[in-house]
Amino acid sequence: HAEPVPRSPQLAVPHPAHPARDGRAPRHARGRAGSAGRRHHRARVRVVGPVSLLGPAEIRDLAELLGIQPTKKLGQNFVIDANTVRRIVKSAGVTRGETVVEVGPGLGSLTLGLLEAGASVVAVEIDRRLAEQLPLTVAELAPDADLTVITEDALRITDLPGEPTVLVANLPYNVSVPVLLHFLEHFPSIQRGLVMVQ
């Protein structure tokens, strides 16, 4: 069951074409306050224009905005190069109209690449700050996006909306095999995948 996306004014990401002034997001990028504590968020965005991928400056700004320093415990590494993102999406064989489950979307670099390819994305993120920011980032940078964010430990998830056919993940080496086996066991709709190990 998907619910409306909660909007958090302090977590809006500025669009690269409209930089923030005085450390605040531009007026159009600020969201409305919403209910906290929701597990599933559905973001259906209708924006005119192409998908913008995150670059090093946007990644740095988002991490600073959220007070995030990648942690070794969660194996957090953020992809900062748009060409690398597009190579990953191409290697995964993602095509328009497919539903992709992405484990560990982080700040959304790869999520935006998957959306750029025309896929619907179900993103599973354990870090609440990242899970709350992702729909806001997508709302600013991805037109016609179909995104569902689930705030949960990937090893505990037993239900996903829709029937994803592709698994894409960027995982710490110590959980990569358990996560892969868990998803293959619980989600028989998955036909192929690409798992990067950090």
C-alpha atoms as a PDB file:
ATOM      1  CA  HIS A   1       0.000   0.000   0.000  1.00  0.00           C
ATOM      2  CA  ALA A   2       1.663   3.233  -1.160  1.00  0.00           C
ATOM      3  CA  GLU A   3       0.999   6.593   0.481  1.00  0.00           C
ATOM      4  CA  PRO A   4       1.640  10.214  -0.536  1.00  0.00           C
ATOM      5  CA  VAL A   5       5.215  11.402  -0.345  1.00  0.00           C
ATOM      6  CA  PRO A   6       5.942  13.409   2.785  1.00  0.00           C
ATOM      7  CA  ARG A   7       7.576  16.712   1.931  1.00  0.00           C
ATOM      8  CA  SER A   8      10.232  18.170   4.193  1.00  0.00           C
ATOM      9  CA  PRO A   9      11.134  21.818   3.518  1.00  0.00           C
ATOM     10  CA  GLN A  10      14.583  21.581   5.039  1.00  0.00           C
ATOM     11  CA  LEU A  11      15.551  18.631   2.816  1.00  0.00           C
ATOM     12  CA  ALA A  12      14.694  19.940  -0.663  1.00  0.00           C
ATOM     13  CA  VAL A  13      17.570  19.665  -3.137  1.00  0.00           C
ATOM     14  CA  PRO A  14      18.189  22.663  -5.376  1.00  0.00           C
ATOM     15  CA  HIS A  15      17.869  22.036  -9.100  1.00  0.00           C
ATOM     16  CA  PRO A  16      21.241  22.578 -10.845  1.00  0.00           C
ATOM     17  CA  ALA A  17      19.648  25.225 -13.091  1.00  0.00           C
ATOM     18  CA  HIS A  18      18.330  27.142 -10.055  1.00  0.00           C
ATOM     19  CA  PRO A  19      21.014  27.159  -7.346  1.00  0.00           C
ATOM     20  CA  ALA A  20      20.153  27.795  -3.722  1.00  0.00           C
ATOM     21  CA  ARG A  21      20.493  31.298  -2.354  1.00  0.00           C
ATOM     22  CA  ASP A  22      21.683  31.972   1.181  1.00  0.00           C
ATOM     23  CA  GLY A  23      21.852  28.242   1.903  1.00  0.00           C
ATOM     24  CA  ARG A  24      18.109  27.765   1.260  1.00  0.00           C
ATOM     25  CA  ALA A  25      16.519  25.818  -1.536  1.00  0.00           C
ATOM     26  CA  PRO A  26      14.741  27.933  -4.155  1.00  0.00           C
ATOM     27  CA  ARG A  27      11.051  28.517  -3.459  1.00  0.00           C
ATOM     28  CA  HIS A  28       9.890  25.967  -6.076  1.00  0.00           C
ATOM     29  CA  ALA A  29      12.107  23.276  -4.512  1.00  0.00           C
ATOM     30  CA  ARG A  30      10.664  23.564  -1.029  1.00  0.00           C
ATOM     31  CA  GLY A  31       8.127  20.888  -0.186  1.00  0.00           C
ATOM     32  CA  ARG A  32       5.192  20.865   2.189  1.00  0.00           C
ATOM     33  CA  ALA A  33       5.399  19.356   5.632  1.00  0.00           C
ATOM     34  CA  GLY A  34       3.943  15.849   5.821  1.00  0.00           C
ATOM     35  CA  SER A  35       3.460  12.971   8.190  1.00  0.00           C
ATOM     36  CA  ALA A  36       6.581  11.243   9.434  1.00  0.00           C
ATOM     37  CA  GLY A  37       7.046   7.542  10.053  1.00  0.00           C
ATOM     38  CA  ARG A  38       5.607   6.198   6.820  1.00  0.00           C
ATOM     39  CA  ARG A  39       7.262   3.103   5.433  1.00  0.00           C
ATOM     40  CA  HIS A  40       6.244   3.323   1.763  1.00  0.00           C
ATOM     41  CA  HIS A  41       6.366   6.563  -0.193  1.00  0.00           C
ATOM     42  CA  ARG A  42       5.073   6.885  -3.738  1.00  0.00           C
ATOM     43  CA  ALA A  43       6.379   9.713  -5.873  1.00  0.00           C
ATOM     44  CA  ARG A  44       4.717  10.217  -9.227  1.00  0.00           C
ATOM     45  CA  VAL A  45       6.267  13.291 -10.713  1.00  0.00           C
ATOM     46  CA  ARG A  46       5.236  15.113 -13.867  1.00  0.00           C
ATOM     47  CA  VAL A  47       7.905  17.626 -14.836  1.00  0.00           C
ATOM     48  CA  VAL A  48       8.779  18.913 -18.300  1.00  0.00           C
ATOM     49  CA  GLY A  49      12.376  18.246 -19.355  1.00  0.00           C
ATOM     50  CA  PRO A  50      15.023  15.531 -19.318  1.00  0.00           C
ATOM     51  CA  VAL A  51      16.301  13.673 -16.266  1.00  0.00           C
ATOM     52  CA  SER A  52      19.252  15.395 -14.621  1.00  0.00           C
ATOM     53  CA  LEU A  53      21.802  13.079 -13.018  1.00  0.00           C
ATOM     54  CA  LEU A  54      23.718  13.995  -9.889  1.00  0.00           C
ATOM     55  CA  GLY A  55      27.308  15.154 -10.222  1.00  0.00           C
ATOM     56  CA  PRO A  56      30.044  15.610  -7.609  1.00  0.00           C
ATOM     57  CA  ALA A  57      28.806  19.084  -6.564  1.00  0.00           C
ATOM     58  CA  GLU A  58      25.202  17.903  -6.071  1.00  0.00           C
ATOM     59  CA  ILE A  59      26.347  14.824  -4.149  1.00  0.00           C
ATOM     60  CA  ARG A  60      28.506  17.005  -1.900  1.00  0.00           C
ATOM     61  CA  ASP A  61      25.643  19.488  -1.352  1.00  0.00           C
ATOM     62  CA  LEU A  62      23.131  16.745  -0.556  1.00  0.00           C
ATOM     63  CA  ALA A  63      25.490  15.001   1.860  1.00  0.00           C
ATOM     64  CA  GLU A  64      26.165  18.318   3.610  1.00  0.00           C
ATOM     65  CA  LEU A  65      22.456  19.203   3.671  1.00  0.00           C
ATOM     66  CA  LEU A  66      21.649  15.880   5.342  1.00  0.00           C
ATOM     67  CA  GLY A  67      24.711  15.876   7.598  1.00  0.00           C
ATOM     68  CA  ILE A  68      25.843  12.594   6.067  1.00  0.00           C
ATOM     69  CA  GLN A  69      29.350  11.268   6.030  1.00  0.00           C
ATOM     70  CA  PRO A  70      29.446   7.842   4.367  1.00  0.00           C
ATOM     71  CA  THR A  71      29.774   5.249   7.136  1.00  0.00           C
ATOM     72  CA  LYS A  72      31.855   2.103   6.995  1.00  0.00           C
ATOM     73  CA  LYS A  73      29.269   0.312   9.169  1.00  0.00           C
ATOM     74  CA  LEU A  74      26.583   0.730   6.485  1.00  0.00           C
ATOM     75  CA  GLY A  75      29.110   0.395   3.651  1.00  0.00           C
ATOM     76  CA  GLN A  76      28.035   3.713   2.177  1.00  0.00           C
ATOM     77  CA  ASN A  77      29.752   4.855  -1.014  1.00  0.00           C
ATOM     78  CA  PHE A  78      28.107   7.289  -3.397  1.00  0.00           C
ATOM     79  CA  VAL A  79      28.567   7.128  -7.182  1.00  0.00           C
ATOM     80  CA  ILE A  80      29.437  10.647  -8.374  1.00  0.00           C
ATOM     81  CA  ASP A  81      30.063  10.200 -12.105  1.00  0.00           C
ATOM     82  CA  ALA A  82      27.079  10.321 -14.500  1.00  0.00           C
ATOM     83  CA  ASN A  83      28.907   8.248 -17.141  1.00  0.00           C
ATOM     84  CA  THR A  84      29.566   5.519 -14.569  1.00  0.00           C
ATOM     85  CA  VAL A  85      25.877   5.553 -13.632  1.00  0.00           C
ATOM     86  CA  ARG A  86      24.856   5.145 -17.276  1.00  0.00           C
ATOM     87  CA  ARG A  87      27.340   2.266 -17.741  1.00  0.00           C
ATOM     88  CA  ILE A  88      25.884   0.503 -14.691  1.00  0.00           C
ATOM     89  CA  VAL A  89      22.324   0.905 -16.008  1.00  0.00           C
ATOM     90  CA  LYS A  90      23.389  -0.352 -19.447  1.00  0.00           C
ATOM     91  CA  SER A  91      25.224  -3.343 -17.910  1.00  0.00           C
ATOM     92  CA  ALA A  92      22.089  -4.221 -15.940  1.00  0.00           C
ATOM     93  CA  GLY A  93      20.137  -4.284 -19.222  1.00  0.00           C
ATOM     94  CA  VAL A  94      17.402  -2.037 -17.842  1.00  0.00           C
ATOM     95  CA  THR A  95      14.805  -1.044 -20.431  1.00  0.00           C
ATOM     96  CA  ARG A  96      11.816   1.292 -20.543  1.00  0.00           C
ATOM     97  CA  GLY A  97       8.764  -0.002 -18.714  1.00  0.00           C
ATOM     98  CA  GLU A  98      10.565  -2.474 -16.453  1.00  0.00           C
ATOM     99  CA  THR A  99      10.234  -2.417 -12.684  1.00  0.00           C
ATOM    100  CA  VAL A 100      13.608  -2.378 -10.931  1.00  0.00           C
ATOM    101  CA  VAL A 101      14.210  -2.955  -7.237  1.00  0.00           C
ATOM    102  CA  GLU A 102      17.235  -0.968  -6.108  1.00  0.00           C
ATOM    103  CA  VAL A 103      18.781  -1.885  -2.774  1.00  0.00           C
ATOM    104  CA  GLY A 104      20.696   0.913  -1.077  1.00  0.00           C
ATOM    105  CA  PRO A 105      19.927   3.897  -3.330  1.00  0.00           C
ATOM    106  CA  GLY A 106      21.803   6.322  -1.089  1.00  0.00           C
ATOM    107  CA  LEU A 107      21.561   9.871  -2.422  1.00  0.00           C
ATOM    108  CA  GLY A 108      19.948   8.709  -5.674  1.00  0.00           C
ATOM    109  CA  SER A 109      22.690   8.744  -8.311  1.00  0.00           C
ATOM    110  CA  LEU A 110      21.851   5.308  -9.662  1.00  0.00           C
ATOM    111  CA  THR A 111      18.117   5.777  -9.015  1.00  0.00           C
ATOM    112  CA  LEU A 112      18.097   8.738 -11.393  1.00  0.00           C
ATOM    113  CA  GLY A 113      19.990   6.693 -13.999  1.00  0.00           C
ATOM    114  CA  LEU A 114      17.413   3.904 -13.767  1.00  0.00           C
ATOM    115  CA  LEU A 115      14.592   6.428 -14.089  1.00  0.00           C
ATOM    116  CA  GLU A 116      16.371   8.034 -17.060  1.00  0.00           C
ATOM    117  CA  ALA A 117      16.242   4.616 -18.767  1.00  0.00           C
ATOM    118  CA  GLY A 118      12.444   4.647 -18.347  1.00  0.00           C
ATOM    119  CA  ALA A 119      12.195   2.097 -15.538  1.00  0.00           C
ATOM    120  CA  SER A 120       9.909   2.230 -12.522  1.00  0.00           C
ATOM    121  CA  VAL A 121      12.011   2.001  -9.370  1.00  0.00           C
ATOM    122  CA  VAL A 122      11.287   0.460  -5.986  1.00  0.00           C
ATOM    123  CA  ALA A 123      14.096   1.696  -3.745  1.00  0.00           C
ATOM    124  CA  VAL A 124      14.880  -0.059  -0.453  1.00  0.00           C
ATOM    125  CA  GLU A 125      16.923   2.148   1.901  1.00  0.00           C
ATOM    126  CA  ILE A 126      17.794   1.442   5.540  1.00  0.00           C
ATOM    127  CA  ASP A 127      18.947   5.010   6.371  1.00  0.00           C
ATOM    128  CA  ARG A 128      15.845   7.110   7.142  1.00  0.00           C
ATOM    129  CA  ARG A 129      17.499  10.429   6.200  1.00  0.00           C
ATOM    130  CA  LEU A 130      18.379   9.109   2.745  1.00  0.00           C
ATOM    131  CA  ALA A 131      14.961   7.482   2.302  1.00  0.00           C
ATOM    132  CA  GLU A 132      13.184  10.757   3.110  1.00  0.00           C
ATOM    133  CA  GLN A 133      15.400  12.807   0.777  1.00  0.00           C
ATOM    134  CA  LEU A 134      15.224  10.498  -2.247  1.00  0.00           C
ATOM    135  CA  PRO A 135      11.649  11.392  -3.350  1.00  0.00           C
ATOM    136  CA  LEU A 136      12.510  15.092  -3.021  1.00  0.00           C
ATOM    137  CA  THR A 137      15.600  14.700  -5.177  1.00  0.00           C
ATOM    138  CA  VAL A 138      13.655  12.733  -7.784  1.00  0.00           C
ATOM    139  CA  ALA A 139      10.845  15.312  -7.771  1.00  0.00           C
ATOM    140  CA  GLU A 140      13.370  17.988  -8.720  1.00  0.00           C
ATOM    141  CA  LEU A 141      15.508  16.094 -11.218  1.00  0.00           C
ATOM    142  CA  ALA A 142      13.430  13.363 -12.902  1.00  0.00           C
ATOM    143  CA  PRO A 143      10.408  13.991 -15.100  1.00  0.00           C
ATOM    144  CA  ASP A 144       7.625  11.408 -15.266  1.00  0.00           C
ATOM    145  CA  ALA A 145       9.303   9.355 -12.549  1.00  0.00           C
ATOM    146  CA  ASP A 146       7.641   6.338 -10.983  1.00  0.00           C
ATOM    147  CA  LEU A 147       9.381   5.831  -7.649  1.00  0.00           C
ATOM    148  CA  THR A 148       8.490   3.946  -4.494  1.00  0.00           C
ATOM    149  CA  VAL A 149      10.796   4.271  -1.492  1.00  0.00           C
ATOM    150  CA  ILE A 150      10.731   1.674   1.279  1.00  0.00           C
ATOM    151  CA  THR A 151      12.564   2.473   4.497  1.00  0.00           C
ATOM    152  CA  GLU A 152      13.620  -0.955   5.707  1.00  0.00           C
ATOM    153  CA  ASP A 153      16.525  -3.336   6.177  1.00  0.00           C
ATOM    154  CA  ALA A 154      16.814  -5.235   2.879  1.00  0.00           C
ATOM    155  CA  LEU A 155      17.325  -8.512   4.770  1.00  0.00           C
ATOM    156  CA  ARG A 156      13.931  -8.156   6.468  1.00  0.00           C
ATOM    157  CA  ILE A 157      11.798  -7.198   3.509  1.00  0.00           C
ATOM    158  CA  THR A 158       9.292  -9.825   2.392  1.00  0.00           C
ATOM    159  CA  ASP A 159       6.854  -7.703   0.384  1.00  0.00           C
ATOM    160  CA  LEU A 160       7.417  -5.267  -2.487  1.00  0.00           C
ATOM    161  CA  PRO A 161       4.874  -3.281  -4.469  1.00  0.00           C
ATOM    162  CA  GLY A 162       4.511  -4.515  -8.024  1.00  0.00           C
ATOM    163  CA  GLU A 163       6.621  -7.325  -9.386  1.00  0.00           C
ATOM    164  CA  PRO A 164      10.185  -6.168  -9.991  1.00  0.00           C
ATOM    165  CA  THR A 165      11.968  -8.087 -12.738  1.00  0.00           C
ATOM    166  CA  VAL A 166      15.429  -6.564 -12.211  1.00  0.00           C
ATOM    167  CA  LEU A 167      17.541  -6.200  -9.065  1.00  0.00           C
ATOM    168  CA  VAL A 168      20.229  -3.514  -8.960  1.00  0.00           C
ATOM    169  CA  ALA A 169      22.297  -2.969  -5.837  1.00  0.00           C
ATOM    170  CA  ASN A 170      25.481  -1.320  -4.618  1.00  0.00           C
ATOM    171  CA  LEU A 171      26.214  -3.224  -1.419  1.00  0.00           C
ATOM    172  CA  PRO A 172      28.902  -3.634   1.235  1.00  0.00           C
ATOM    173  CA  TYR A 173      30.757  -6.923   0.666  1.00  0.00           C
ATOM    174  CA  ASN A 174      29.708  -8.347   4.056  1.00  0.00           C
ATOM    175  CA  VAL A 175      25.970  -8.272   3.218  1.00  0.00           C
ATOM    176  CA  SER A 176      25.987  -8.646  -0.574  1.00  0.00           C
ATOM    177  CA  VAL A 177      25.510 -12.432  -0.713  1.00  0.00           C
ATOM    178  CA  PRO A 178      22.856 -12.582   2.062  1.00  0.00           C
ATOM    179  CA  VAL A 179      20.877  -9.726   0.433  1.00  0.00           C
ATOM    180  CA  LEU A 180      21.076 -11.315  -3.022  1.00  0.00           C
ATOM    181  CA  LEU A 181      19.969 -14.729  -1.722  1.00  0.00           C
ATOM    182  CA  HIS A 182      17.169 -13.146   0.339  1.00  0.00           C
ATOM    183  CA  PHE A 183      15.754 -11.291  -2.686  1.00  0.00           C
ATOM    184  CA  LEU A 184      15.998 -14.308  -4.974  1.00  0.00           C
ATOM    185  CA  GLU A 185      14.198 -16.436  -2.382  1.00  0.00           C
ATOM    186  CA  HIS A 186      11.388 -13.971  -1.608  1.00  0.00           C
ATOM    187  CA  PHE A 187      10.821 -12.314  -4.994  1.00  0.00           C
ATOM    188  CA  PRO A 188      10.490 -14.894  -7.784  1.00  0.00           C
ATOM    189  CA  SER A 189       9.570 -12.162 -10.281  1.00  0.00           C
ATOM    190  CA  ILE A 190      13.247 -11.087 -10.377  1.00  0.00           C
ATOM    191  CA  GLN A 191      14.711 -12.418 -13.634  1.00  0.00           C
ATOM    192  CA  ARG A 192      18.148 -10.793 -13.602  1.00  0.00           C
ATOM    193  CA  GLY A 193      20.267  -8.386 -11.645  1.00  0.00           C
ATOM    194  CA  LEU A 194      23.468  -6.457 -11.225  1.00  0.00           C
ATOM    195  CA  VAL A 195      25.053  -6.298  -7.788  1.00  0.00           C
ATOM    196  CA  MET A 196      28.108  -4.145  -7.212  1.00  0.00           C
ATOM    197  CA  VAL A 197      30.160  -4.979  -4.152  1.00  0.00           C
ATOM    198  CA  GLN A 198      31.974  -2.289  -2.176  1.00  0.00           C
END
